Amino acid sequence: MVNDPSNLQHRMNQALDQALPEEEVERLREQLAASSGNSEQWQRMQQVDQLMRTTPLVRPSQGFAARVMAAIERLRLDELADRQISVGVALGLMAAALLTIPFLSVVLIMLVSTLSSPATVTALFQGVTSGTSYAIDLVADLLKVMRDLVTDTPMVPALLTTMIPLGMVWAWLLWYLSGRPGMKTD
């Protein structure tokens, strides 16, 4: 436990903070003298500690807070709410949302299945080297992993079904920002 790197790092930090008893400091010095790598790390830590202790604190310039508050007050948030968005931009945003959400969901499922299953990682490497014949096996394995993911983690289908409410929110947002045509009264 004495040669544990995280324990050594912790003891070096304590020594820099003068929170290490003197007998521990001596043992630390002996351990550092035995290893050139640890000794170099100790020297770098001491240099950084010295820089941190001797570097003066920078105070904000005179009136900084007042300038920031004035800039915040000058923001016209009402103008952002009253902006009119063209139909092309609205359709573009809706298309981007409808294409991005399923793509990101597929990427998320593949990432989870790849990182949680060493067999899938192995299968991916074999698929790269095996060629076309293995591609069919890879698709079957991916479907199995996805089926297992759906049965083991019921939250994933629930998250995937949130695409419908998100689409509704996007539609409402686009309707709202495009001037609410159904709400006009003359």
Protein backbone atom coordinates (compact mmCIF):
# COMPACT_ATOMS: atom_id res chain seq x y z
CA MET A 1 0.00 0.00 0.00
CA VAL A 2 3.00 2.31 0.51
CA ASN A 3 3.95 2.12 -3.19
CA ASP A 4 0.41 2.70 -4.41
CA PRO A 5 0.60 5.59 -6.96
CA SER A 6 -2.66 7.20 -5.81
CA ASN A 7 -1.50 6.96 -2.18
CA LEU A 8 1.85 8.52 -3.16
CA GLN A 9 0.06 11.33 -5.00
CA HIS A 10 -2.17 11.93 -1.98
CA ARG A 11 0.83 12.04 0.37
CA MET A 12 2.68 14.47 -1.95
CA ASN A 13 -0.37 16.74 -1.97
CA GLN A 14 -0.53 16.58 1.82
CA ALA A 15 3.17 17.41 2.05
CA LEU A 16 2.68 20.48 -0.16
CA ASP A 17 -0.16 21.60 2.11
CA GLN A 18 2.02 20.98 5.21
CA ALA A 19 -0.63 18.54 6.43
CA LEU A 20 1.68 15.51 6.60
CA PRO A 21 3.37 14.54 9.92
CA GLU A 22 7.17 14.90 9.98
CA GLU A 23 7.83 11.13 10.10
CA GLU A 24 5.62 10.68 7.01
CA VAL A 25 7.52 13.49 5.28
CA GLU A 26 10.78 11.62 5.89
CA ARG A 27 9.31 8.38 4.50
CA LEU A 28 8.03 10.31 1.49
CA ARG A 29 11.50 11.79 0.86
CA GLU A 30 13.04 8.30 1.04
CA GLN A 31 10.47 6.95 -1.39
CA LEU A 32 11.00 9.87 -3.78
CA ALA A 33 14.79 9.41 -3.63
CA ALA A 34 14.35 5.77 -4.69
CA SER A 35 12.44 6.63 -7.88
CA SER A 36 13.57 9.20 -10.43
CA GLY A 37 10.07 9.41 -12.01
CA ASN A 38 8.42 10.16 -8.68
CA SER A 39 11.21 12.59 -7.84
CA GLU A 40 10.63 14.51 -11.10
CA GLN A 41 6.90 14.58 -10.45
CA TRP A 42 7.55 15.92 -6.93
CA GLN A 43 9.77 18.69 -8.33
CA ARG A 44 7.09 19.68 -10.88
CA MET A 45 4.45 19.69 -8.15
CA GLN A 46 6.63 21.92 -5.98
CA GLN A 47 7.19 24.32 -8.89
CA VAL A 48 3.47 24.55 -9.60
CA ASP A 49 2.73 25.01 -5.90
CA GLN A 50 5.31 27.82 -5.72
CA LEU A 51 3.80 29.51 -8.77
CA MET A 52 0.31 29.26 -7.30
CA ARG A 53 1.45 30.73 -3.99
CA THR A 54 3.46 33.63 -5.50
CA THR A 55 1.20 34.67 -8.40
CA PRO A 56 -0.81 37.74 -7.40
CA LEU A 57 -4.58 37.65 -7.69
CA VAL A 58 -6.02 39.81 -10.46
CA ARG A 59 -8.87 42.05 -9.43
CA PRO A 60 -11.56 43.09 -11.90
CA SER A 61 -11.19 46.54 -13.39
CA GLN A 62 -13.01 49.50 -11.89
CA GLY A 63 -16.71 49.46 -12.85
CA PHE A 64 -16.66 45.96 -14.33
CA ALA A 65 -19.84 44.87 -12.53
CA ALA A 66 -21.63 48.06 -13.56
CA ARG A 67 -20.67 47.54 -17.23
CA VAL A 68 -21.90 43.94 -17.16
CA MET A 69 -25.22 44.93 -15.59
CA ALA A 70 -25.65 47.75 -18.14
CA ALA A 71 -25.01 45.29 -20.99
CA ILE A 72 -27.63 42.93 -19.56
CA GLU A 73 -30.16 45.75 -19.29
CA ARG A 74 -29.51 46.76 -22.93
CA LEU A 75 -30.49 43.28 -24.13
CA ARG A 76 -33.83 43.42 -25.82
CA LEU A 77 -35.35 40.06 -25.01
CA ASP A 78 -38.78 41.15 -26.23
CA GLU A 79 -37.38 41.54 -29.76
CA LEU A 80 -36.29 37.90 -29.73
CA ALA A 81 -39.81 36.79 -28.82
CA ASP A 82 -41.40 38.94 -31.57
CA ARG A 83 -39.19 37.72 -34.43
CA GLN A 84 -40.92 36.40 -37.51
CA ILE A 85 -39.54 33.22 -39.01
CA SER A 86 -40.11 32.35 -42.64
CA VAL A 87 -41.77 29.12 -43.68
CA GLY A 88 -38.51 27.88 -45.25
CA VAL A 89 -36.61 28.25 -41.99
CA ALA A 90 -39.44 26.61 -40.08
CA LEU A 91 -39.54 23.65 -42.46
CA GLY A 92 -35.75 23.39 -42.38
CA LEU A 93 -35.74 23.27 -38.59
CA MET A 94 -38.47 20.67 -38.59
CA ALA A 95 -36.65 18.52 -41.16
CA ALA A 96 -33.41 18.81 -39.20
CA ALA A 97 -35.17 17.71 -36.03
CA LEU A 98 -36.94 14.82 -37.71
CA LEU A 99 -33.68 13.58 -39.27
CA THR A 100 -31.42 14.20 -36.28
CA ILE A 101 -33.42 12.54 -33.52
CA PRO A 102 -33.67 9.07 -35.12
CA PHE A 103 -30.03 9.20 -36.25
CA LEU A 104 -28.85 10.10 -32.75
CA SER A 105 -31.05 7.37 -31.28
CA VAL A 106 -29.47 4.76 -33.54
CA VAL A 107 -25.99 6.06 -32.67
CA LEU A 108 -26.85 5.90 -28.96
CA ILE A 109 -28.12 2.32 -29.21
CA MET A 110 -25.05 1.23 -31.16
CA LEU A 111 -22.74 2.98 -28.70
CA VAL A 112 -24.43 1.40 -25.68
CA SER A 113 -24.42 -2.05 -27.26
CA THR A 114 -20.79 -1.72 -28.33
CA LEU A 115 -19.49 -0.48 -25.01
CA SER A 116 -21.51 -2.92 -22.90
CA SER A 117 -20.78 -6.07 -24.85
CA PRO A 118 -17.21 -7.25 -25.48
CA ALA A 119 -18.63 -9.81 -27.92
CA THR A 120 -19.96 -6.99 -30.08
CA VAL A 121 -16.58 -5.26 -30.10
CA THR A 122 -14.97 -8.50 -31.16
CA ALA A 123 -17.66 -9.02 -33.76
CA LEU A 124 -17.01 -5.54 -35.19
CA PHE A 125 -13.29 -6.24 -35.59
CA GLN A 126 -14.01 -9.61 -37.20
CA GLY A 127 -16.53 -7.95 -39.51
CA VAL A 128 -13.86 -5.54 -40.74
CA THR A 129 -11.47 -8.39 -41.52
CA SER A 130 -13.96 -11.02 -42.72
CA GLY A 131 -15.69 -9.06 -45.45
CA THR A 132 -19.17 -9.30 -46.82
CA SER A 133 -20.11 -12.71 -45.43
CA TYR A 134 -19.65 -11.51 -41.88
CA ALA A 135 -21.78 -8.40 -42.44
CA ILE A 136 -24.93 -10.55 -42.34
CA ASP A 137 -23.83 -12.11 -39.01
CA LEU A 138 -23.06 -8.66 -37.63
CA VAL A 139 -26.57 -7.43 -38.44
CA ALA A 140 -28.05 -10.50 -36.72
CA ASP A 141 -25.84 -9.93 -33.66
CA LEU A 142 -26.78 -6.24 -33.57
CA LEU A 143 -30.49 -7.14 -33.66
CA LYS A 144 -29.95 -9.59 -30.79
CA VAL A 145 -28.10 -6.97 -28.74
CA MET A 146 -30.83 -4.41 -29.46
CA ARG A 147 -33.52 -6.93 -28.46
CA ASP A 148 -31.61 -7.67 -25.24
CA LEU A 149 -31.16 -3.95 -24.64
CA VAL A 150 -34.89 -3.35 -25.04
CA THR A 151 -35.79 -6.21 -22.71
CA ASP A 152 -33.09 -5.47 -20.13
CA THR A 153 -33.50 -1.68 -20.18
CA PRO A 154 -37.15 -0.72 -20.71
CA MET A 155 -36.20 2.94 -20.45
CA VAL A 156 -34.63 2.91 -23.94
CA PRO A 157 -37.95 2.34 -25.79
CA ALA A 158 -39.54 4.94 -23.56
CA LEU A 159 -36.85 7.44 -24.54
CA LEU A 160 -37.26 6.54 -28.20
CA THR A 161 -41.01 7.14 -28.02
CA THR A 162 -40.39 10.69 -26.85
CA MET A 163 -39.72 11.58 -30.47
CA ILE A 164 -43.49 12.04 -31.04
CA PRO A 165 -43.94 14.60 -28.23
CA LEU A 166 -40.71 16.29 -29.28
CA GLY A 167 -42.05 16.55 -32.82
CA MET A 168 -45.24 18.07 -31.44
CA VAL A 169 -43.22 20.57 -29.40
CA TRP A 170 -41.21 21.49 -32.51
CA ALA A 171 -44.42 21.97 -34.50
CA TRP A 172 -45.91 24.15 -31.78
CA LEU A 173 -42.68 26.16 -31.50
CA LEU A 174 -42.57 26.73 -35.25
CA TRP A 175 -46.25 27.69 -35.26
CA TYR A 176 -45.70 30.04 -32.33
CA LEU A 177 -42.61 31.70 -33.80
CA SER A 178 -44.07 32.04 -37.29
CA GLY A 179 -46.74 34.49 -36.18
CA ARG A 180 -49.51 32.19 -34.95
CA PRO A 181 -51.69 32.43 -38.07
CA GLY A 182 -54.75 30.93 -36.39
CA MET A 183 -54.77 33.60 -33.66
CA LYS A 184 -55.03 36.74 -35.85
CA THR A 185 -58.09 38.90 -35.31
CA ASP A 186 -58.93 41.89 -37.50
